[in-house]
C-alpha atoms as a PDB file:
ATOM      1  CA  MET A   1      23.281  -3.072  14.695  1.00  0.00           C
ATOM      2  CA  PRO A   2      20.469  -5.038  13.659  1.00  0.00           C
ATOM      3  CA  ALA A   3      18.439  -7.062  15.937  1.00  0.00           C
ATOM      4  CA  PRO A   4      19.233 -11.171  15.631  1.00  0.00           C
ATOM      5  CA  VAL A   5      16.686 -13.261  13.770  1.00  0.00           C
ATOM      6  CA  ARG A   6      15.297 -15.821  15.870  1.00  0.00           C
ATOM      7  CA  THR A   7      14.861 -19.355  14.234  1.00  0.00           C
ATOM      8  CA  VAL A   8      11.295 -20.004  13.026  1.00  0.00           C
ATOM      9  CA  ALA A   9       9.514 -23.489  13.701  1.00  0.00           C
ATOM     10  CA  ALA A  10       9.165 -25.058  10.403  1.00  0.00           C
ATOM     11  CA  SER A  11       5.560 -25.776  10.490  1.00  0.00           C
ATOM     12  CA  LEU A  12       4.846 -21.751  11.071  1.00  0.00           C
ATOM     13  CA  ARG A  13       7.291 -21.139   8.150  1.00  0.00           C
ATOM     14  CA  VAL A  14       5.263 -23.506   5.916  1.00  0.00           C
ATOM     15  CA  LEU A  15       1.675 -22.037   7.427  1.00  0.00           C
ATOM     16  CA  LEU A  16       3.218 -18.331   6.944  1.00  0.00           C
ATOM     17  CA  ASP A  17       5.028 -18.593   3.679  1.00  0.00           C
ATOM     18  CA  GLY A  18       4.218 -15.613   1.336  1.00  0.00           C
ATOM     19  CA  MET A  19       1.237 -14.809   3.405  1.00  0.00           C
ATOM     20  CA  ILE A  20       2.211 -11.269   4.318  1.00  0.00           C
ATOM     21  CA  ASP A  21       1.213  -8.657   1.216  1.00  0.00           C
ATOM     22  CA  TYR A  22       2.760  -5.382   1.515  1.00  0.00           C
ATOM     23  CA  ALA A  23       0.315  -2.609   1.308  1.00  0.00           C
ATOM     24  CA  GLY A  24       2.608   0.387   2.514  1.00  0.00           C
ATOM     25  CA  LEU A  25       0.694   2.717  -0.046  1.00  0.00           C
ATOM     26  CA  PHE A  26      -2.365   2.321   1.756  1.00  0.00           C
ATOM     27  CA  PRO A  27      -3.219   3.628   5.111  1.00  0.00           C
ATOM     28  CA  PRO A  28      -1.812   3.705   8.001  1.00  0.00           C
ATOM     29  CA  ALA A  29       1.301   3.770   6.154  1.00  0.00           C
ATOM     30  CA  SER A  30       0.064   5.885   3.313  1.00  0.00           C
ATOM     31  CA  LEU A  31       3.933   5.901   1.998  1.00  0.00           C
ATOM     32  CA  ASP A  32       4.409   7.397  -1.333  1.00  0.00           C
ATOM     33  CA  MET A  33       5.466   4.794  -4.117  1.00  0.00           C
ATOM     34  CA  MET A  34       9.365   5.450  -4.359  1.00  0.00           C
ATOM     35  CA  THR A  35       9.389   4.559  -0.535  1.00  0.00           C
ATOM     36  CA  CYS A  36       7.284   1.632  -1.048  1.00  0.00           C
ATOM     37  CA  VAL A  37       9.162   0.072  -3.849  1.00  0.00           C
ATOM     38  CA  THR A  38      12.649   0.459  -2.257  1.00  0.00           C
ATOM     39  CA  LYS A  39      11.069  -0.634   1.466  1.00  0.00           C
ATOM     40  CA  TYR A  40       9.297  -3.899  -0.512  1.00  0.00           C
ATOM     41  CA  SER A  41      12.926  -4.327  -2.054  1.00  0.00           C
ATOM     42  CA  ARG A  42      14.995  -4.215   0.832  1.00  0.00           C
ATOM     43  CA  TYR A  43      12.099  -6.722   2.385  1.00  0.00           C
ATOM     44  CA  LEU A  44      12.660  -8.973  -0.384  1.00  0.00           C
ATOM     45  CA  ASN A  45      16.344  -9.356   0.334  1.00  0.00           C
ATOM     46  CA  GLY A  46      15.806  -9.494   4.405  1.00  0.00           C
ATOM     47  CA  PRO A  47      15.481 -12.118   6.780  1.00  0.00           C
ATOM     48  CA  TRP A  48      11.942 -12.495   6.802  1.00  0.00           C
ATOM     49  CA  ARG A  49      11.384 -12.605   3.051  1.00  0.00           C
ATOM     50  CA  TRP A  50       9.974 -16.029   3.048  1.00  0.00           C
ATOM     51  CA  ALA A  51       6.614 -14.616   4.826  1.00  0.00           C
ATOM     52  CA  LEU A  52       6.675 -11.487   2.459  1.00  0.00           C
ATOM     53  CA  GLY A  53       3.561 -11.979  -0.381  1.00  0.00           C
ATOM     54  CA  ARG A  54       3.035  -9.654  -3.187  1.00  0.00           C
ATOM     55  CA  PHE A  55       3.243  -5.976  -3.579  1.00  0.00           C
ATOM     56  CA  VAL A  56      -0.121  -4.383  -3.612  1.00  0.00           C
ATOM     57  CA  LEU A  57      -0.984  -1.581  -5.419  1.00  0.00           C
ATOM     58  CA  PRO A  58      -4.355  -0.190  -7.332  1.00  0.00           C
ATOM     59  CA  VAL A  59      -4.207  -0.885 -11.153  1.00  0.00           C
ATOM     60  CA  ALA A  60      -4.617   3.084 -11.586  1.00  0.00           C
ATOM     61  CA  ARG A  61      -1.179   3.232 -10.339  1.00  0.00           C
ATOM     62  CA  LEU A  62       0.634   0.785 -12.463  1.00  0.00           C
ATOM     63  CA  ASP A  63       2.535   2.868 -14.490  1.00  0.00           C
ATOM     64  CA  GLU A  64       3.968   4.987 -11.360  1.00  0.00           C
ATOM     65  CA  PHE A  65       4.884   1.613  -9.858  1.00  0.00           C
ATOM     66  CA  LEU A  66       6.573   0.962 -12.949  1.00  0.00           C
ATOM     67  CA  ASN A  67       8.309   4.078 -13.097  1.00  0.00           C
ATOM     68  CA  ALA A  68       9.633   3.781  -9.572  1.00  0.00           C
ATOM     69  CA  GLN A  69      10.724   0.247 -10.236  1.00  0.00           C
ATOM     70  CA  GLU A  70      12.956   1.670 -12.689  1.00  0.00           C
ATOM     71  CA  ASN A  71      14.247   3.914 -10.671  1.00  0.00           C
ATOM     72  CA  ALA A  72      14.826   1.556  -7.938  1.00  0.00           C
ATOM     73  CA  ALA A  73      16.957  -0.736 -10.430  1.00  0.00           C
ATOM     74  CA  ALA A  74      19.252   1.826 -11.573  1.00  0.00           C
ATOM     75  CA  SER A  75      20.335   3.094  -7.760  1.00  0.00           C
ATOM     76  CA  SER A  76      20.793  -0.887  -6.794  1.00  0.00           C
ATOM     77  CA  PRO A  77      21.183  -3.340  -9.688  1.00  0.00           C
ATOM     78  CA  PRO A  78      21.807  -6.785  -7.744  1.00  0.00           C
ATOM     79  CA  ALA A  79      18.547  -6.447  -5.566  1.00  0.00           C
ATOM     80  CA  SER A  80      16.334  -4.781  -7.820  1.00  0.00           C
ATOM     81  CA  LEU A  81      16.942  -7.115 -10.885  1.00  0.00           C
ATOM     82  CA  ARG A  82      15.787 -10.020  -8.756  1.00  0.00           C
ATOM     83  CA  THR A  83      12.964  -8.163  -7.183  1.00  0.00           C
ATOM     84  CA  LEU A  84      12.111  -7.139 -10.902  1.00  0.00           C
ATOM     85  CA  ARG A  85      11.577 -10.507 -12.342  1.00  0.00           C
ATOM     86  CA  ARG A  86       9.305 -11.159  -9.379  1.00  0.00           C
ATOM     87  CA  TRP A  87       7.084  -8.172 -10.074  1.00  0.00           C
ATOM     88  CA  LYS A  88       7.177  -8.541 -13.678  1.00  0.00           C
ATOM     89  CA  SER A  89       6.185 -11.925 -13.149  1.00  0.00           C
ATOM     90  CA  SER A  90       2.972 -10.860 -10.963  1.00  0.00           C
ATOM     91  CA  ILE A  91       2.271  -8.118 -13.399  1.00  0.00           C
ATOM     92  CA  GLY A  92       1.930 -10.690 -16.213  1.00  0.00           C
ATOM     93  CA  ARG A  93      -0.517 -12.717 -13.983  1.00  0.00           C
ATOM     94  CA  LEU A  94      -2.448  -9.725 -13.805  1.00  0.00           C
ATOM     95  CA  HIS A  95      -2.830  -9.069 -17.585  1.00  0.00           C
ATOM     96  CA  ALA A  96      -3.600 -12.425 -18.154  1.00  0.00           C
ATOM     97  CA  ARG A  97      -6.679 -12.235 -16.203  1.00  0.00           C
END
């Protein structure tokens, strides 16, 4: 049974909104890409999603990320499609630089 989610003060929520980037590919976690994509998608749909920021990855692994993202979308469309839109927006901003 999941632990109950406690209410967060509005001021703390405003301060931390989108503040925590997900960097599961890097130490100390050093997870594989598919695990990271799956976890990030789950976190985006979880109770603390308001605090979650961007998915951090080296640009050299962008193709691997896109492949993992497509595989994740095929296995669980509803959550992954929402995540897909958010990721595509972030990737578009990266290419615009």
